[in-house]
Amino acid sequence: MDDVNELARNEDLAELIRTIPNYPTAGILFRDVSTLLLDGSGFRAAMDRMIATVDPVEIDLIAGIEARGFIVASAMSYALAKGKIMLRKPGKLPGEVVGRDYTLEYGTDRIEMHVGAVSPGQRVLIVDDLIATGGTAQAGVALLRGQGAIVMQARFLVDLPDLGGAARLRAQGVQTEALCSFPGH
């Protein structure tokens, strides 16, 4: 993706994303996509643009990261006619699960999925609303790869490049793209 052209093309979407200072802790500039989701034509444009960056022949499943990633994954899986995996917080999935602990910019957490949700060799696209330090997405990649999936691509509505998450994913061989980018954290 040509970052300059993509960011210029998506400036309209970036304007729909509000910034909430000092949330959830002091010094954090929270990029809230709920305002983008409230705008029907803006959300449609965002999904259309994200979908256009994916070749459906190259993926078998779409993995959405809890919770806003579920919204993105649902829209993309519907449009691309692909199944969807939910990567969830602990205790949210019934039945047998496998999980991965990770660190995020303001704490620690765990992500889980159902055992058997992916078959070895299935190609999985990871999606979420935002990538910051990349801890959640990296945990998702490790979790899926640990179950035999091939994870080569990730998509996000927002990238916070100063926090380095997208670069960390790329270093793990995951082609990573976002519609909008914001400086700072």
N, C-alpha and C. Protein backbone atom coordinates (compact mmCIF):
# COMPACT_ATOMS: atom_id res chain seq x y z
N MET A 1 0.85 -1.18 0.00
CA MET A 1 0.00 0.00 0.00
C MET A 1 0.89 1.23 0.00
N ASP A 2 0.59 2.18 -0.85
CA ASP A 2 1.28 3.45 -0.88
C ASP A 2 0.67 4.31 0.21
N ASP A 3 1.41 4.44 1.35
CA ASP A 3 0.84 5.08 2.53
C ASP A 3 0.32 6.49 2.26
N VAL A 4 1.05 7.30 1.47
CA VAL A 4 0.62 8.67 1.23
C VAL A 4 -0.70 8.69 0.47
N ASN A 5 -0.81 7.91 -0.62
CA ASN A 5 -2.06 7.89 -1.40
C ASN A 5 -3.21 7.31 -0.59
N GLU A 6 -2.96 6.22 0.13
CA GLU A 6 -4.02 5.60 0.92
C GLU A 6 -4.52 6.55 2.01
N LEU A 7 -3.60 7.22 2.70
CA LEU A 7 -4.03 8.12 3.77
C LEU A 7 -4.81 9.30 3.19
N ALA A 8 -4.39 9.81 2.04
CA ALA A 8 -5.11 10.91 1.42
C ALA A 8 -6.51 10.45 1.00
N ARG A 9 -6.59 9.23 0.48
CA ARG A 9 -7.87 8.69 0.04
C ARG A 9 -8.82 8.47 1.21
N ASN A 10 -8.27 8.21 2.37
CA ASN A 10 -9.09 7.87 3.52
C ASN A 10 -9.20 8.99 4.55
N GLU A 11 -8.81 10.18 4.18
CA GLU A 11 -8.93 11.31 5.09
C GLU A 11 -10.38 11.51 5.53
N ASP A 12 -11.31 11.24 4.63
CA ASP A 12 -12.73 11.36 4.97
C ASP A 12 -13.11 10.41 6.10
N LEU A 13 -12.53 9.22 6.11
CA LEU A 13 -12.81 8.26 7.18
C LEU A 13 -12.12 8.66 8.47
N ALA A 14 -10.89 9.14 8.37
CA ALA A 14 -10.15 9.58 9.57
C ALA A 14 -10.92 10.68 10.31
N GLU A 15 -11.60 11.53 9.55
CA GLU A 15 -12.37 12.61 10.17
C GLU A 15 -13.57 12.09 10.96
N LEU A 16 -14.00 10.87 10.68
CA LEU A 16 -15.14 10.28 11.40
C LEU A 16 -14.73 9.56 12.68
N ILE A 17 -13.43 9.48 12.94
CA ILE A 17 -12.91 8.79 14.13
C ILE A 17 -12.55 9.84 15.17
N ARG A 18 -13.20 9.78 16.32
CA ARG A 18 -12.94 10.79 17.35
C ARG A 18 -11.77 10.37 18.24
N THR A 19 -11.16 11.36 18.85
CA THR A 19 -10.06 11.14 19.78
C THR A 19 -10.53 11.50 21.18
N ILE A 20 -10.31 10.58 22.11
CA ILE A 20 -10.66 10.82 23.51
C ILE A 20 -9.37 10.85 24.31
N PRO A 21 -8.97 12.03 24.81
CA PRO A 21 -7.72 12.11 25.57
C PRO A 21 -7.83 11.45 26.94
N ASN A 22 -6.70 10.90 27.38
CA ASN A 22 -6.55 10.33 28.72
C ASN A 22 -7.51 9.17 29.00
N TYR A 23 -7.77 8.36 27.96
CA TYR A 23 -8.59 7.17 28.15
C TYR A 23 -7.88 5.98 27.54
N PRO A 24 -7.76 4.88 28.22
CA PRO A 24 -8.29 4.54 29.54
C PRO A 24 -7.39 4.99 30.68
N THR A 25 -6.19 5.50 30.34
CA THR A 25 -5.30 6.02 31.38
C THR A 25 -4.72 7.35 30.91
N ALA A 26 -4.15 8.10 31.85
CA ALA A 26 -3.55 9.39 31.53
C ALA A 26 -2.47 9.24 30.46
N GLY A 27 -2.48 10.17 29.51
CA GLY A 27 -1.47 10.18 28.46
C GLY A 27 -1.85 9.42 27.20
N ILE A 28 -2.92 8.64 27.25
CA ILE A 28 -3.37 7.87 26.08
C ILE A 28 -4.36 8.72 25.28
N LEU A 29 -4.19 8.75 23.96
CA LEU A 29 -5.16 9.36 23.07
C LEU A 29 -5.93 8.22 22.42
N PHE A 30 -7.11 7.92 22.95
CA PHE A 30 -7.91 6.80 22.47
C PHE A 30 -8.58 7.17 21.16
N ARG A 31 -8.34 6.38 20.12
CA ARG A 31 -8.96 6.61 18.81
C ARG A 31 -10.23 5.76 18.75
N ASP A 32 -11.36 6.42 18.88
CA ASP A 32 -12.65 5.76 19.03
C ASP A 32 -13.35 5.61 17.69
N VAL A 33 -13.41 4.38 17.18
CA VAL A 33 -14.05 4.13 15.89
C VAL A 33 -15.58 4.06 16.00
N SER A 34 -16.13 4.14 17.21
CA SER A 34 -17.59 4.06 17.33
C SER A 34 -18.27 5.19 16.57
N THR A 35 -17.61 6.32 16.43
CA THR A 35 -18.19 7.43 15.66
C THR A 35 -18.19 7.12 14.16
N LEU A 36 -17.21 6.37 13.69
CA LEU A 36 -17.21 5.90 12.30
C LEU A 36 -18.35 4.90 12.10
N LEU A 37 -18.54 4.01 13.07
CA LEU A 37 -19.59 3.01 12.99
C LEU A 37 -20.98 3.65 12.98
N LEU A 38 -21.13 4.79 13.63
CA LEU A 38 -22.41 5.50 13.66
C LEU A 38 -22.79 6.10 12.32
N ASP A 39 -21.81 6.31 11.47
CA ASP A 39 -22.03 6.92 10.16
C ASP A 39 -22.18 5.80 9.12
N GLY A 40 -23.42 5.53 8.70
CA GLY A 40 -23.69 4.41 7.80
C GLY A 40 -22.88 4.44 6.52
N SER A 41 -22.84 5.58 5.85
CA SER A 41 -22.09 5.64 4.60
C SER A 41 -20.58 5.61 4.85
N GLY A 42 -20.15 6.16 5.99
CA GLY A 42 -18.73 6.10 6.33
C GLY A 42 -18.29 4.67 6.63
N PHE A 43 -19.13 3.94 7.38
CA PHE A 43 -18.81 2.55 7.68
C PHE A 43 -18.80 1.72 6.40
N ARG A 44 -19.77 1.94 5.54
CA ARG A 44 -19.81 1.21 4.27
C ARG A 44 -18.55 1.50 3.45
N ALA A 45 -18.17 2.76 3.37
CA ALA A 45 -16.96 3.12 2.62
C ALA A 45 -15.73 2.44 3.23
N ALA A 46 -15.64 2.44 4.55
CA ALA A 46 -14.50 1.80 5.22
C ALA A 46 -14.44 0.32 4.89
N MET A 47 -15.58 -0.35 4.98
CA MET A 47 -15.59 -1.79 4.69
C MET A 47 -15.29 -2.06 3.22
N ASP A 48 -15.87 -1.27 2.32
CA ASP A 48 -15.59 -1.45 0.89
C ASP A 48 -14.10 -1.28 0.61
N ARG A 49 -13.49 -0.29 1.22
CA ARG A 49 -12.07 -0.04 0.98
C ARG A 49 -11.19 -1.14 1.58
N MET A 50 -11.56 -1.63 2.77
CA MET A 50 -10.78 -2.73 3.36
C MET A 50 -10.93 -3.99 2.52
N ILE A 51 -12.13 -4.29 2.10
CA ILE A 51 -12.39 -5.48 1.29
C ILE A 51 -11.61 -5.42 -0.01
N ALA A 52 -11.48 -4.23 -0.58
CA ALA A 52 -10.75 -4.07 -1.85
C ALA A 52 -9.26 -4.40 -1.71
N THR A 53 -8.74 -4.42 -0.48
CA THR A 53 -7.32 -4.72 -0.29
C THR A 53 -7.05 -6.21 -0.16
N VAL A 54 -8.11 -7.03 -0.22
CA VAL A 54 -7.97 -8.47 0.00
C VAL A 54 -8.35 -9.24 -1.26
N ASP A 55 -7.51 -10.19 -1.62
CA ASP A 55 -7.85 -11.12 -2.70
C ASP A 55 -8.50 -12.33 -2.04
N PRO A 56 -9.80 -12.53 -2.26
CA PRO A 56 -10.50 -13.62 -1.57
C PRO A 56 -9.92 -15.01 -1.87
N VAL A 57 -9.23 -15.15 -2.95
CA VAL A 57 -8.62 -16.44 -3.30
C VAL A 57 -7.47 -16.77 -2.34
N GLU A 58 -6.90 -15.74 -1.71
CA GLU A 58 -5.74 -15.93 -0.84
C GLU A 58 -6.09 -16.22 0.61
N ILE A 59 -7.38 -16.20 0.96
CA ILE A 59 -7.78 -16.46 2.35
C ILE A 59 -8.92 -17.47 2.41
N ASP A 60 -8.94 -18.20 3.51
CA ASP A 60 -10.02 -19.16 3.75
C ASP A 60 -10.96 -18.70 4.85
N LEU A 61 -10.42 -18.01 5.85
CA LEU A 61 -11.19 -17.55 7.01
C LEU A 61 -10.75 -16.15 7.41
N ILE A 62 -11.64 -15.46 8.13
CA ILE A 62 -11.32 -14.15 8.68
C ILE A 62 -11.45 -14.24 10.20
N ALA A 63 -10.41 -13.83 10.90
CA ALA A 63 -10.41 -13.85 12.37
C ALA A 63 -10.59 -12.43 12.89
N GLY A 64 -11.66 -12.21 13.63
CA GLY A 64 -11.93 -10.92 14.25
C GLY A 64 -11.53 -10.95 15.71
N ILE A 65 -10.85 -9.90 16.13
CA ILE A 65 -10.40 -9.78 17.52
C ILE A 65 -11.45 -9.01 18.32
N GLU A 66 -11.80 -9.55 19.49
CA GLU A 66 -12.82 -8.95 20.36
C GLU A 66 -12.46 -7.52 20.69
N ALA A 67 -13.39 -6.64 20.69
CA ALA A 67 -14.78 -6.79 20.34
C ALA A 67 -15.06 -6.09 19.02
N ARG A 68 -14.46 -4.94 18.79
CA ARG A 68 -14.75 -4.20 17.55
C ARG A 68 -14.28 -4.96 16.32
N GLY A 69 -13.29 -5.80 16.48
CA GLY A 69 -12.83 -6.62 15.36
C GLY A 69 -13.91 -7.56 14.85
N PHE A 70 -14.87 -7.91 15.72
CA PHE A 70 -15.99 -8.75 15.29
C PHE A 70 -16.84 -8.02 14.25
N ILE A 71 -17.00 -6.72 14.43
CA ILE A 71 -17.81 -5.93 13.50
C ILE A 71 -17.14 -5.91 12.14
N VAL A 72 -15.84 -5.63 12.14
CA VAL A 72 -15.07 -5.59 10.90
C VAL A 72 -15.06 -6.97 10.24
N ALA A 73 -14.79 -8.01 11.02
CA ALA A 73 -14.73 -9.37 10.48
C ALA A 73 -16.06 -9.80 9.91
N SER A 74 -17.16 -9.45 10.58
CA SER A 74 -18.48 -9.84 10.10
C SER A 74 -18.78 -9.22 8.74
N ALA A 75 -18.53 -7.94 8.61
CA ALA A 75 -18.79 -7.27 7.33
C ALA A 75 -17.91 -7.85 6.23
N MET A 76 -16.64 -8.08 6.53
CA MET A 76 -15.73 -8.60 5.52
C MET A 76 -16.06 -10.06 5.17
N SER A 77 -16.37 -10.87 6.16
CA SER A 77 -16.66 -12.28 5.88
C SER A 77 -17.95 -12.40 5.07
N TYR A 78 -18.91 -11.56 5.34
CA TYR A 78 -20.15 -11.55 4.56
C TYR A 78 -19.86 -11.19 3.10
N ALA A 79 -19.15 -10.10 2.90
CA ALA A 79 -18.87 -9.62 1.54
C ALA A 79 -17.99 -10.58 0.75
N LEU A 80 -17.06 -11.24 1.44
CA LEU A 80 -16.12 -12.14 0.76
C LEU A 80 -16.57 -13.60 0.79
N ALA A 81 -17.70 -13.88 1.43
CA ALA A 81 -18.23 -15.24 1.56
C ALA A 81 -17.20 -16.17 2.20
N LYS A 82 -16.62 -15.70 3.30
CA LYS A 82 -15.64 -16.49 4.06
C LYS A 82 -16.15 -16.70 5.48
N GLY A 83 -15.76 -17.81 6.08
CA GLY A 83 -16.10 -18.05 7.47
C GLY A 83 -15.36 -17.09 8.39
N LYS A 84 -15.86 -16.99 9.63
CA LYS A 84 -15.28 -16.04 10.59
C LYS A 84 -14.96 -16.75 11.89
N ILE A 85 -13.77 -16.47 12.41
CA ILE A 85 -13.33 -16.98 13.71
C ILE A 85 -13.37 -15.82 14.69
N MET A 86 -13.88 -16.10 15.90
CA MET A 86 -13.87 -15.08 16.95
C MET A 86 -12.71 -15.35 17.89
N LEU A 87 -11.81 -14.37 18.00
CA LEU A 87 -10.73 -14.42 18.98
C LEU A 87 -11.21 -13.61 20.17
N ARG A 88 -11.47 -14.31 21.30
CA ARG A 88 -12.19 -13.71 22.41
C ARG A 88 -11.37 -13.60 23.68
N LYS A 89 -11.87 -12.78 24.57
CA LYS A 89 -11.32 -12.65 25.92
C LYS A 89 -11.61 -13.95 26.68
N PRO A 90 -10.90 -14.21 27.76
CA PRO A 90 -11.09 -15.46 28.52
C PRO A 90 -12.52 -15.61 29.06
N GLY A 91 -12.99 -16.87 29.06
CA GLY A 91 -14.27 -17.19 29.65
C GLY A 91 -15.49 -16.86 28.80
N LYS A 92 -15.30 -16.44 27.58
CA LYS A 92 -16.42 -16.03 26.72
C LYS A 92 -16.89 -17.13 25.78
N LEU A 93 -16.05 -18.14 25.55
CA LEU A 93 -16.40 -19.20 24.62
C LEU A 93 -16.77 -20.48 25.36
N PRO A 94 -17.86 -21.12 24.98
CA PRO A 94 -18.19 -22.41 25.59
C PRO A 94 -17.33 -23.50 24.95
N GLY A 95 -17.21 -24.60 25.62
CA GLY A 95 -16.45 -25.72 25.05
C GLY A 95 -14.96 -25.57 25.25
N GLU A 96 -14.21 -26.45 24.59
CA GLU A 96 -12.76 -26.47 24.76
C GLU A 96 -12.12 -25.33 23.97
N VAL A 97 -11.22 -24.61 24.64
CA VAL A 97 -10.53 -23.47 24.02
C VAL A 97 -9.03 -23.62 24.16
N VAL A 98 -8.33 -22.88 23.33
CA VAL A 98 -6.89 -22.74 23.43
C VAL A 98 -6.64 -21.23 23.47
N GLY A 99 -5.62 -20.79 24.22
CA GLY A 99 -5.42 -19.36 24.39
C GLY A 99 -3.98 -18.93 24.36
N ARG A 100 -3.81 -17.62 24.38
CA ARG A 100 -2.48 -17.01 24.37
C ARG A 100 -2.53 -15.75 25.21
N ASP A 101 -1.58 -15.60 26.16
CA ASP A 101 -1.45 -14.38 26.95
C ASP A 101 -0.66 -13.35 26.16
N TYR A 102 -0.92 -12.06 26.42
CA TYR A 102 -0.19 -11.00 25.71
C TYR A 102 -0.19 -9.72 26.54
N THR A 103 0.67 -8.80 26.12
CA THR A 103 0.79 -7.49 26.76
C THR A 103 0.29 -6.44 25.79
N LEU A 104 -0.49 -5.47 26.28
CA LEU A 104 -0.91 -4.35 25.47
C LEU A 104 -0.36 -3.07 26.08
N GLU A 105 -0.65 -1.94 25.42
CA GLU A 105 0.01 -0.70 25.83
C GLU A 105 -0.33 -0.25 27.24
N TYR A 106 -1.43 -0.75 27.83
CA TYR A 106 -1.79 -0.33 29.18
C TYR A 106 -2.23 -1.50 30.05
N GLY A 107 -1.60 -2.68 29.89
CA GLY A 107 -1.92 -3.82 30.74
C GLY A 107 -1.60 -5.15 30.10
N THR A 108 -2.20 -6.22 30.62
CA THR A 108 -2.03 -7.55 30.06
C THR A 108 -3.40 -8.18 29.85
N ASP A 109 -3.46 -9.18 28.99
CA ASP A 109 -4.73 -9.85 28.72
C ASP A 109 -4.46 -11.22 28.12
N ARG A 110 -5.53 -11.88 27.72
CA ARG A 110 -5.46 -13.21 27.11
C ARG A 110 -6.50 -13.27 26.00
N ILE A 111 -6.18 -14.00 24.97
CA ILE A 111 -7.09 -14.19 23.85
C ILE A 111 -7.27 -15.69 23.63
N GLU A 112 -8.51 -16.10 23.31
CA GLU A 112 -8.80 -17.52 23.15
C GLU A 112 -9.64 -17.77 21.90
N MET A 113 -9.61 -19.02 21.45
CA MET A 113 -10.46 -19.47 20.36
C MET A 113 -10.84 -20.92 20.61
N HIS A 114 -11.86 -21.38 19.93
CA HIS A 114 -12.26 -22.78 20.06
C HIS A 114 -11.19 -23.70 19.48
N VAL A 115 -10.95 -24.81 20.17
CA VAL A 115 -10.10 -25.85 19.62
C VAL A 115 -10.81 -26.39 18.38
N GLY A 116 -10.08 -26.52 17.30
CA GLY A 116 -10.64 -27.03 16.05
C GLY A 116 -11.29 -25.99 15.17
N ALA A 117 -11.22 -24.71 15.54
CA ALA A 117 -11.83 -23.66 14.72
C ALA A 117 -11.11 -23.50 13.38
N VAL A 118 -9.83 -23.84 13.35
CA VAL A 118 -9.06 -23.81 12.11
C VAL A 118 -8.46 -25.18 11.86
N SER A 119 -8.28 -25.48 10.60
CA SER A 119 -7.60 -26.72 10.21
C SER A 119 -6.19 -26.36 9.78
N PRO A 120 -5.24 -27.25 9.99
CA PRO A 120 -3.87 -26.97 9.53
C PRO A 120 -3.86 -26.61 8.04
N GLY A 121 -3.14 -25.54 7.75
CA GLY A 121 -3.01 -25.08 6.37
C GLY A 121 -4.05 -24.06 5.93
N GLN A 122 -5.08 -23.83 6.74
CA GLN A 122 -6.05 -22.80 6.35
C GLN A 122 -5.40 -21.42 6.44
N ARG A 123 -5.70 -20.60 5.45
CA ARG A 123 -5.15 -19.24 5.38
C ARG A 123 -6.12 -18.27 6.04
N VAL A 124 -5.63 -17.58 7.08
CA VAL A 124 -6.50 -16.74 7.89
C VAL A 124 -6.05 -15.28 7.82
N LEU A 125 -7.00 -14.41 7.57
CA LEU A 125 -6.80 -12.96 7.62
C LEU A 125 -7.24 -12.49 9.00
N ILE A 126 -6.37 -11.75 9.70
CA ILE A 126 -6.73 -11.17 11.00
C ILE A 126 -7.20 -9.73 10.79
N VAL A 127 -8.31 -9.36 11.46
CA VAL A 127 -8.81 -7.99 11.37
C VAL A 127 -9.18 -7.48 12.76
N ASP A 128 -9.03 -6.17 12.91
CA ASP A 128 -9.44 -5.49 14.14
C ASP A 128 -9.68 -4.03 13.81
N ASP A 129 -10.20 -3.29 14.79
CA ASP A 129 -10.46 -1.87 14.56
C ASP A 129 -9.16 -1.07 14.56
N LEU A 130 -8.18 -1.46 15.39
CA LEU A 130 -7.01 -0.61 15.60
C LEU A 130 -5.80 -1.46 15.94
N ILE A 131 -4.64 -1.03 15.45
CA ILE A 131 -3.38 -1.64 15.88
C ILE A 131 -2.53 -0.56 16.51
N ALA A 132 -2.10 -0.83 17.74
CA ALA A 132 -1.25 0.11 18.50
C ALA A 132 0.12 -0.55 18.68
N THR A 133 0.35 -1.16 19.83
CA THR A 133 1.63 -1.85 20.05
C THR A 133 1.67 -3.20 19.34
N GLY A 134 0.51 -3.70 18.97
CA GLY A 134 0.43 -4.96 18.24
C GLY A 134 0.34 -6.19 19.12
N GLY A 135 0.28 -6.02 20.43
CA GLY A 135 0.25 -7.17 21.33
C GLY A 135 -0.92 -8.10 21.08
N THR A 136 -2.11 -7.55 20.90
CA THR A 136 -3.29 -8.38 20.68
C THR A 136 -3.19 -9.09 19.33
N ALA A 137 -2.83 -8.35 18.29
CA ALA A 137 -2.72 -8.95 16.96
C ALA A 137 -1.62 -10.01 16.92
N GLN A 138 -0.49 -9.73 17.55
CA GLN A 138 0.59 -10.72 17.60
C GLN A 138 0.15 -11.98 18.35
N ALA A 139 -0.61 -11.80 19.42
CA ALA A 139 -1.13 -12.96 20.14
C ALA A 139 -2.08 -13.75 19.25
N GLY A 140 -2.90 -13.04 18.48
CA GLY A 140 -3.80 -13.71 17.54
C GLY A 140 -3.05 -14.50 16.49
N VAL A 141 -1.99 -13.91 15.95
CA VAL A 141 -1.16 -14.60 14.96
C VAL A 141 -0.56 -15.86 15.58
N ALA A 142 0.03 -15.71 16.78
CA ALA A 142 0.66 -16.85 17.45
C ALA A 142 -0.36 -17.94 17.77
N LEU A 143 -1.53 -17.54 18.23
CA LEU A 143 -2.59 -18.49 18.57
C LEU A 143 -3.01 -19.27 17.33
N LEU A 144 -3.29 -18.56 16.24
CA LEU A 144 -3.72 -19.21 15.01
C LEU A 144 -2.63 -20.09 14.41
N ARG A 145 -1.42 -19.57 14.37
CA ARG A 145 -0.31 -20.36 13.83
C ARG A 145 -0.05 -21.59 14.70
N GLY A 146 -0.24 -21.45 16.00
CA GLY A 146 -0.07 -22.59 16.91
C GLY A 146 -1.07 -23.70 16.65
N GLN A 147 -2.17 -23.37 15.99
CA GLN A 147 -3.19 -24.37 15.64
C GLN A 147 -3.05 -24.82 14.18
N GLY A 148 -1.96 -24.40 13.54
CA GLY A 148 -1.68 -24.85 12.17
C GLY A 148 -2.13 -23.93 11.07
N ALA A 149 -2.75 -22.79 11.41
CA ALA A 149 -3.20 -21.85 10.38
C ALA A 149 -2.01 -21.12 9.77
N ILE A 150 -2.22 -20.64 8.57
CA ILE A 150 -1.25 -19.79 7.88
C ILE A 150 -1.79 -18.37 7.98
N VAL A 151 -1.06 -17.51 8.66
CA VAL A 151 -1.48 -16.11 8.82
C VAL A 151 -0.45 -15.23 8.12
N MET A 152 -0.86 -14.68 6.99
CA MET A 152 0.04 -13.85 6.19
C MET A 152 -0.46 -12.42 6.01
N GLN A 153 -1.71 -12.14 6.47
CA GLN A 153 -2.29 -10.82 6.24
C GLN A 153 -3.07 -10.35 7.46
N ALA A 154 -3.07 -9.03 7.66
CA ALA A 154 -3.86 -8.38 8.70
C ALA A 154 -4.37 -7.05 8.18
N ARG A 155 -5.57 -6.68 8.59
CA ARG A 155 -6.17 -5.41 8.19
C ARG A 155 -6.77 -4.73 9.42
N PHE A 156 -6.66 -3.39 9.42
CA PHE A 156 -7.15 -2.59 10.54
C PHE A 156 -7.79 -1.32 10.00
N LEU A 157 -8.75 -0.78 10.75
CA LEU A 157 -9.28 0.54 10.40
C LEU A 157 -8.24 1.61 10.71
N VAL A 158 -7.55 1.49 11.86
CA VAL A 158 -6.64 2.52 12.35
C VAL A 158 -5.29 1.91 12.72
N ASP A 159 -4.23 2.61 12.34
CA ASP A 159 -2.87 2.27 12.77
C ASP A 159 -2.32 3.44 13.57
N LEU A 160 -1.68 3.13 14.69
CA LEU A 160 -0.92 4.11 15.46
C LEU A 160 0.56 3.76 15.26
N PRO A 161 1.16 4.21 14.16
CA PRO A 161 2.50 3.75 13.78
C PRO A 161 3.59 4.10 14.79
N ASP A 162 3.40 5.15 15.57
CA ASP A 162 4.41 5.51 16.57
C ASP A 162 4.57 4.43 17.63
N LEU A 163 3.56 3.56 17.79
CA LEU A 163 3.63 2.49 18.77
C LEU A 163 4.19 1.19 18.20
N GLY A 164 4.36 1.14 16.87
CA GLY A 164 5.12 0.07 16.23
C GLY A 164 4.45 -1.27 16.02
N GLY A 165 3.17 -1.40 16.29
CA GLY A 165 2.51 -2.70 16.15
C GLY A 165 2.50 -3.25 14.74
N ALA A 166 2.19 -2.40 13.76
CA ALA A 166 2.15 -2.86 12.37
C ALA A 166 3.54 -3.31 11.93
N ALA A 167 4.56 -2.58 12.34
CA ALA A 167 5.94 -2.97 12.00
C ALA A 167 6.29 -4.32 12.62
N ARG A 168 5.84 -4.56 13.84
CA ARG A 168 6.10 -5.85 14.50
C ARG A 168 5.42 -7.00 13.75
N LEU A 169 4.20 -6.77 13.30
CA LEU A 169 3.51 -7.80 12.52
C LEU A 169 4.24 -8.06 11.20
N ARG A 170 4.65 -6.99 10.54
CA ARG A 170 5.38 -7.16 9.27
C ARG A 170 6.67 -7.95 9.50
N ALA A 171 7.33 -7.71 10.62
CA ALA A 171 8.56 -8.45 10.94
C ALA A 171 8.29 -9.94 11.14
N GLN A 172 7.04 -10.29 11.43
CA GLN A 172 6.64 -11.70 11.58
C GLN A 172 6.10 -12.27 10.27
N GLY A 173 6.27 -11.54 9.17
CA GLY A 173 5.83 -12.02 7.87
C GLY A 173 4.36 -11.82 7.59
N VAL A 174 3.72 -10.88 8.29
CA VAL A 174 2.29 -10.61 8.10
C VAL A 174 2.14 -9.29 7.35
N GLN A 175 1.60 -9.36 6.15
CA GLN A 175 1.34 -8.14 5.38
C GLN A 175 0.25 -7.38 6.12
N THR A 176 0.54 -6.14 6.51
CA THR A 176 -0.35 -5.38 7.39
C THR A 176 -0.72 -4.06 6.74
N GLU A 177 -2.03 -3.79 6.69
CA GLU A 177 -2.52 -2.54 6.13
C GLU A 177 -3.60 -1.96 7.04
N ALA A 178 -3.68 -0.63 7.05
CA ALA A 178 -4.73 0.07 7.78
C ALA A 178 -5.29 1.18 6.90
N LEU A 179 -6.54 1.52 7.11
CA LEU A 179 -7.15 2.58 6.33
C LEU A 179 -6.67 3.96 6.75
N CYS A 180 -6.50 4.16 8.06
CA CYS A 180 -6.15 5.48 8.60
C CYS A 180 -4.97 5.33 9.54
N SER A 181 -4.21 6.40 9.65
CA SER A 181 -3.06 6.42 10.55
C SER A 181 -3.10 7.71 11.36
N PHE A 182 -2.79 7.58 12.66
CA PHE A 182 -2.77 8.75 13.53
C PHE A 182 -1.43 8.78 14.26
N PRO A 183 -0.82 9.96 14.37
CA PRO A 183 0.44 10.05 15.14
C PRO A 183 0.16 9.95 16.63
N GLY A 184 1.21 9.65 17.37
CA GLY A 184 1.10 9.59 18.82
C GLY A 184 0.52 8.28 19.29
N HIS A 185 0.00 8.30 20.53
CA HIS A 185 -0.58 7.07 21.08
C HIS A 185 -1.90 7.32 21.72
